[in-house]
Amino acid sequence: MAMKSVDAWFRKQMKNPAFKKEYDALEEEFALANALIGARARAKLSQAEVARRMGTSQSAVARMESGRTPPSMTSLRKYAKATGSRVEIRLTKAG
């Protein structure tokens, strides 16, 4: 499926209130997953390379990047170090 097709599909789905509600409920998971993947992309590393630097498996890195299972602070620190990044946590006003 071409990127434009995926974008068009996503825009269409977001018009569905039930889909949008579920998507919005996962906003934090998506934000963390995007931050992890972005850090790895900036470092120009594969999941396997990050895993090797972390002392873990590629599948563990894939799980972290999926957003389905929140990583521990220890894992976040290891991931950050492996990608030449640092962990920064902020709480912002909701709304």
N, C-alpha and C. Protein backbone atom coordinates (compact mmCIF):
# COMPACT_ATOMS: atom_id res chain seq x y z
N MET A 1 0.85 -1.17 0.00
CA MET A 1 0.00 0.00 0.00
C MET A 1 0.90 1.24 0.00
N ALA A 2 0.66 2.14 -0.91
CA ALA A 2 1.46 3.36 -1.01
C ALA A 2 1.20 4.27 0.19
N MET A 3 2.19 5.13 0.50
CA MET A 3 2.07 6.02 1.64
C MET A 3 0.83 6.91 1.52
N LYS A 4 0.57 7.42 0.31
CA LYS A 4 -0.61 8.27 0.13
C LYS A 4 -1.88 7.50 0.44
N SER A 5 -1.91 6.21 0.08
CA SER A 5 -3.08 5.38 0.38
C SER A 5 -3.26 5.21 1.88
N VAL A 6 -2.16 5.01 2.59
CA VAL A 6 -2.22 4.88 4.04
C VAL A 6 -2.71 6.17 4.67
N ASP A 7 -2.17 7.29 4.22
CA ASP A 7 -2.60 8.60 4.74
C ASP A 7 -4.08 8.83 4.48
N ALA A 8 -4.54 8.51 3.28
CA ALA A 8 -5.96 8.69 2.94
C ALA A 8 -6.82 7.79 3.81
N TRP A 9 -6.39 6.54 4.00
CA TRP A 9 -7.13 5.60 4.85
C TRP A 9 -7.23 6.15 6.27
N PHE A 10 -6.09 6.65 6.80
CA PHE A 10 -6.06 7.17 8.16
C PHE A 10 -7.01 8.37 8.31
N ARG A 11 -6.95 9.29 7.37
CA ARG A 11 -7.85 10.46 7.45
C ARG A 11 -9.31 10.03 7.43
N LYS A 12 -9.62 9.05 6.62
CA LYS A 12 -10.99 8.55 6.56
C LYS A 12 -11.39 7.91 7.89
N GLN A 13 -10.50 7.10 8.46
CA GLN A 13 -10.79 6.44 9.73
C GLN A 13 -10.98 7.44 10.86
N MET A 14 -10.20 8.53 10.84
CA MET A 14 -10.31 9.53 11.91
C MET A 14 -11.64 10.25 11.90
N LYS A 15 -12.40 10.16 10.82
CA LYS A 15 -13.74 10.74 10.76
C LYS A 15 -14.76 9.88 11.48
N ASN A 16 -14.39 8.64 11.75
CA ASN A 16 -15.25 7.71 12.47
C ASN A 16 -15.06 7.97 13.97
N PRO A 17 -16.10 8.42 14.68
CA PRO A 17 -15.95 8.78 16.10
C PRO A 17 -15.41 7.63 16.97
N ALA A 18 -15.81 6.41 16.71
CA ALA A 18 -15.34 5.28 17.52
C ALA A 18 -13.85 5.05 17.29
N PHE A 19 -13.41 5.12 16.04
CA PHE A 19 -11.99 4.96 15.72
C PHE A 19 -11.19 6.08 16.37
N LYS A 20 -11.65 7.32 16.21
CA LYS A 20 -10.94 8.47 16.76
C LYS A 20 -10.81 8.37 18.27
N LYS A 21 -11.87 7.93 18.94
CA LYS A 21 -11.84 7.79 20.39
C LYS A 21 -10.77 6.77 20.81
N GLU A 22 -10.73 5.63 20.14
CA GLU A 22 -9.73 4.61 20.46
C GLU A 22 -8.31 5.10 20.13
N TYR A 23 -8.16 5.77 19.00
CA TYR A 23 -6.85 6.30 18.61
C TYR A 23 -6.38 7.33 19.65
N ASP A 24 -7.26 8.23 20.03
CA ASP A 24 -6.90 9.26 21.01
C ASP A 24 -6.54 8.65 22.36
N ALA A 25 -7.19 7.55 22.72
CA ALA A 25 -6.90 6.89 23.99
C ALA A 25 -5.48 6.32 24.02
N LEU A 26 -4.92 6.07 22.85
CA LEU A 26 -3.56 5.52 22.75
C LEU A 26 -2.51 6.58 22.45
N GLU A 27 -2.87 7.85 22.55
CA GLU A 27 -1.98 8.95 22.18
C GLU A 27 -0.61 8.86 22.86
N GLU A 28 -0.59 8.58 24.16
CA GLU A 28 0.68 8.52 24.89
C GLU A 28 1.56 7.37 24.40
N GLU A 29 0.93 6.21 24.14
CA GLU A 29 1.70 5.07 23.64
C GLU A 29 2.30 5.39 22.28
N PHE A 30 1.49 6.01 21.40
CA PHE A 30 1.99 6.38 20.08
C PHE A 30 3.11 7.41 20.19
N ALA A 31 2.98 8.36 21.11
CA ALA A 31 4.01 9.39 21.27
C ALA A 31 5.33 8.76 21.71
N LEU A 32 5.27 7.82 22.65
CA LEU A 32 6.49 7.15 23.11
C LEU A 32 7.11 6.32 21.99
N ALA A 33 6.27 5.56 21.29
CA ALA A 33 6.77 4.74 20.18
C ALA A 33 7.43 5.63 19.12
N ASN A 34 6.79 6.74 18.78
CA ASN A 34 7.36 7.65 17.79
C ASN A 34 8.68 8.25 18.26
N ALA A 35 8.76 8.57 19.56
CA ALA A 35 10.01 9.13 20.09
C ALA A 35 11.14 8.11 20.00
N LEU A 36 10.84 6.86 20.34
CA LEU A 36 11.87 5.81 20.27
C LEU A 36 12.33 5.59 18.83
N ILE A 37 11.38 5.44 17.94
CA ILE A 37 11.72 5.21 16.53
C ILE A 37 12.47 6.41 15.96
N GLY A 38 12.05 7.61 16.35
CA GLY A 38 12.74 8.82 15.88
C GLY A 38 14.19 8.87 16.35
N ALA A 39 14.42 8.50 17.60
CA ALA A 39 15.79 8.49 18.14
C ALA A 39 16.65 7.48 17.39
N ARG A 40 16.08 6.32 17.10
CA ARG A 40 16.84 5.30 16.38
C ARG A 40 17.12 5.75 14.95
N ALA A 41 16.15 6.38 14.31
CA ALA A 41 16.34 6.87 12.94
C ALA A 41 17.41 7.96 12.90
N ARG A 42 17.39 8.88 13.88
CA ARG A 42 18.40 9.94 13.92
C ARG A 42 19.80 9.35 14.09
N ALA A 43 19.88 8.26 14.85
CA ALA A 43 21.17 7.60 15.08
C ALA A 43 21.56 6.70 13.90
N LYS A 44 20.64 6.55 12.94
CA LYS A 44 20.89 5.70 11.76
C LYS A 44 21.25 4.27 12.17
N LEU A 45 20.46 3.73 13.10
CA LEU A 45 20.68 2.38 13.60
C LEU A 45 19.49 1.48 13.29
N SER A 46 19.76 0.21 13.13
CA SER A 46 18.69 -0.77 12.99
C SER A 46 18.25 -1.20 14.39
N GLN A 47 17.12 -1.89 14.46
CA GLN A 47 16.70 -2.43 15.75
C GLN A 47 17.75 -3.39 16.29
N ALA A 48 18.34 -4.18 15.42
CA ALA A 48 19.36 -5.14 15.86
C ALA A 48 20.58 -4.43 16.44
N GLU A 49 20.97 -3.30 15.83
CA GLU A 49 22.12 -2.55 16.34
C GLU A 49 21.81 -1.93 17.70
N VAL A 50 20.60 -1.40 17.86
CA VAL A 50 20.20 -0.84 19.15
C VAL A 50 20.19 -1.96 20.19
N ALA A 51 19.63 -3.09 19.82
CA ALA A 51 19.56 -4.23 20.75
C ALA A 51 20.95 -4.65 21.20
N ARG A 52 21.88 -4.74 20.27
CA ARG A 52 23.24 -5.13 20.62
C ARG A 52 23.85 -4.14 21.61
N ARG A 53 23.64 -2.86 21.35
CA ARG A 53 24.18 -1.83 22.25
C ARG A 53 23.52 -1.87 23.62
N MET A 54 22.25 -2.29 23.67
CA MET A 54 21.52 -2.37 24.93
C MET A 54 21.79 -3.67 25.69
N GLY A 55 22.33 -4.66 24.97
CA GLY A 55 22.51 -5.97 25.58
C GLY A 55 21.23 -6.75 25.65
N THR A 56 20.37 -6.60 24.63
CA THR A 56 19.09 -7.30 24.59
C THR A 56 18.85 -7.84 23.19
N SER A 57 17.65 -8.29 22.93
CA SER A 57 17.33 -8.86 21.62
C SER A 57 16.62 -7.84 20.73
N GLN A 58 16.68 -8.09 19.43
CA GLN A 58 15.98 -7.23 18.47
C GLN A 58 14.48 -7.27 18.74
N SER A 59 13.95 -8.42 19.12
CA SER A 59 12.51 -8.52 19.39
C SER A 59 12.12 -7.68 20.60
N ALA A 60 13.00 -7.54 21.58
CA ALA A 60 12.72 -6.68 22.75
C ALA A 60 12.65 -5.22 22.31
N VAL A 61 13.55 -4.82 21.42
CA VAL A 61 13.52 -3.45 20.90
C VAL A 61 12.24 -3.23 20.09
N ALA A 62 11.86 -4.20 19.29
CA ALA A 62 10.63 -4.10 18.50
C ALA A 62 9.42 -3.94 19.42
N ARG A 63 9.39 -4.68 20.52
CA ARG A 63 8.27 -4.55 21.48
C ARG A 63 8.24 -3.15 22.08
N MET A 64 9.42 -2.62 22.43
CA MET A 64 9.47 -1.26 22.99
C MET A 64 8.91 -0.26 21.98
N GLU A 65 9.31 -0.42 20.72
CA GLU A 65 8.91 0.53 19.68
C GLU A 65 7.46 0.35 19.24
N SER A 66 6.84 -0.76 19.60
CA SER A 66 5.46 -1.00 19.18
C SER A 66 4.47 -0.15 19.98
N GLY A 67 4.87 0.27 21.18
CA GLY A 67 3.97 1.06 22.01
C GLY A 67 2.98 0.22 22.80
N ARG A 68 2.98 -1.08 22.60
CA ARG A 68 2.01 -1.94 23.29
C ARG A 68 2.38 -2.23 24.73
N THR A 69 3.68 -2.28 25.01
CA THR A 69 4.15 -2.56 26.36
C THR A 69 5.07 -1.43 26.80
N PRO A 70 4.67 -0.66 27.80
CA PRO A 70 5.53 0.46 28.21
C PRO A 70 6.85 -0.05 28.78
N PRO A 71 7.97 0.49 28.29
CA PRO A 71 9.28 0.06 28.80
C PRO A 71 9.54 0.65 30.19
N SER A 72 10.40 -0.03 30.94
CA SER A 72 10.80 0.47 32.25
C SER A 72 11.73 1.67 32.06
N MET A 73 11.95 2.42 33.12
CA MET A 73 12.90 3.54 33.06
C MET A 73 14.30 3.02 32.75
N THR A 74 14.65 1.87 33.29
CA THR A 74 15.96 1.29 33.01
C THR A 74 16.11 1.02 31.51
N SER A 75 15.08 0.44 30.90
CA SER A 75 15.13 0.16 29.47
C SER A 75 15.17 1.45 28.66
N LEU A 76 14.40 2.44 29.09
CA LEU A 76 14.43 3.72 28.38
C LEU A 76 15.83 4.35 28.43
N ARG A 77 16.46 4.28 29.59
CA ARG A 77 17.82 4.83 29.71
C ARG A 77 18.80 4.08 28.81
N LYS A 78 18.70 2.76 28.78
CA LYS A 78 19.58 1.96 27.92
C LYS A 78 19.34 2.30 26.45
N TYR A 79 18.07 2.43 26.06
CA TYR A 79 17.72 2.77 24.67
C TYR A 79 18.29 4.14 24.32
N ALA A 80 18.10 5.09 25.23
CA ALA A 80 18.60 6.44 24.99
C ALA A 80 20.12 6.42 24.81
N LYS A 81 20.82 5.74 25.69
CA LYS A 81 22.28 5.66 25.59
C LYS A 81 22.69 5.00 24.28
N ALA A 82 21.98 3.94 23.89
CA ALA A 82 22.30 3.21 22.66
C ALA A 82 22.13 4.08 21.41
N THR A 83 21.21 5.06 21.49
CA THR A 83 20.93 5.91 20.33
C THR A 83 21.55 7.29 20.44
N GLY A 84 22.37 7.50 21.48
CA GLY A 84 22.99 8.81 21.66
C GLY A 84 21.99 9.88 22.05
N SER A 85 20.96 9.47 22.78
CA SER A 85 19.90 10.38 23.22
C SER A 85 19.88 10.43 24.74
N ARG A 86 18.95 11.20 25.26
CA ARG A 86 18.74 11.21 26.70
C ARG A 86 17.25 11.18 26.97
N VAL A 87 16.87 10.66 28.10
CA VAL A 87 15.46 10.58 28.49
C VAL A 87 15.07 11.90 29.13
N GLU A 88 13.96 12.43 28.68
CA GLU A 88 13.41 13.66 29.26
C GLU A 88 11.91 13.44 29.43
N ILE A 89 11.42 13.59 30.65
CA ILE A 89 10.00 13.37 30.94
C ILE A 89 9.39 14.68 31.39
N ARG A 90 8.25 15.01 30.81
CA ARG A 90 7.53 16.22 31.17
C ARG A 90 6.07 15.90 31.40
N LEU A 91 5.49 16.54 32.35
CA LEU A 91 4.05 16.49 32.56
C LEU A 91 3.52 17.86 32.12
N THR A 92 2.53 17.84 31.25
CA THR A 92 1.96 19.08 30.76
C THR A 92 0.47 19.13 31.10
N LYS A 93 -0.05 20.32 31.12
CA LYS A 93 -1.46 20.50 31.43
C LYS A 93 -2.33 19.80 30.37
N ALA A 94 -3.29 19.03 30.84
CA ALA A 94 -4.21 18.34 29.92
C ALA A 94 -5.15 19.34 29.27
N GLY A 95 -5.58 18.97 28.13
CA GLY A 95 -6.58 19.82 27.51
C GLY A 95 -6.20 20.27 26.19
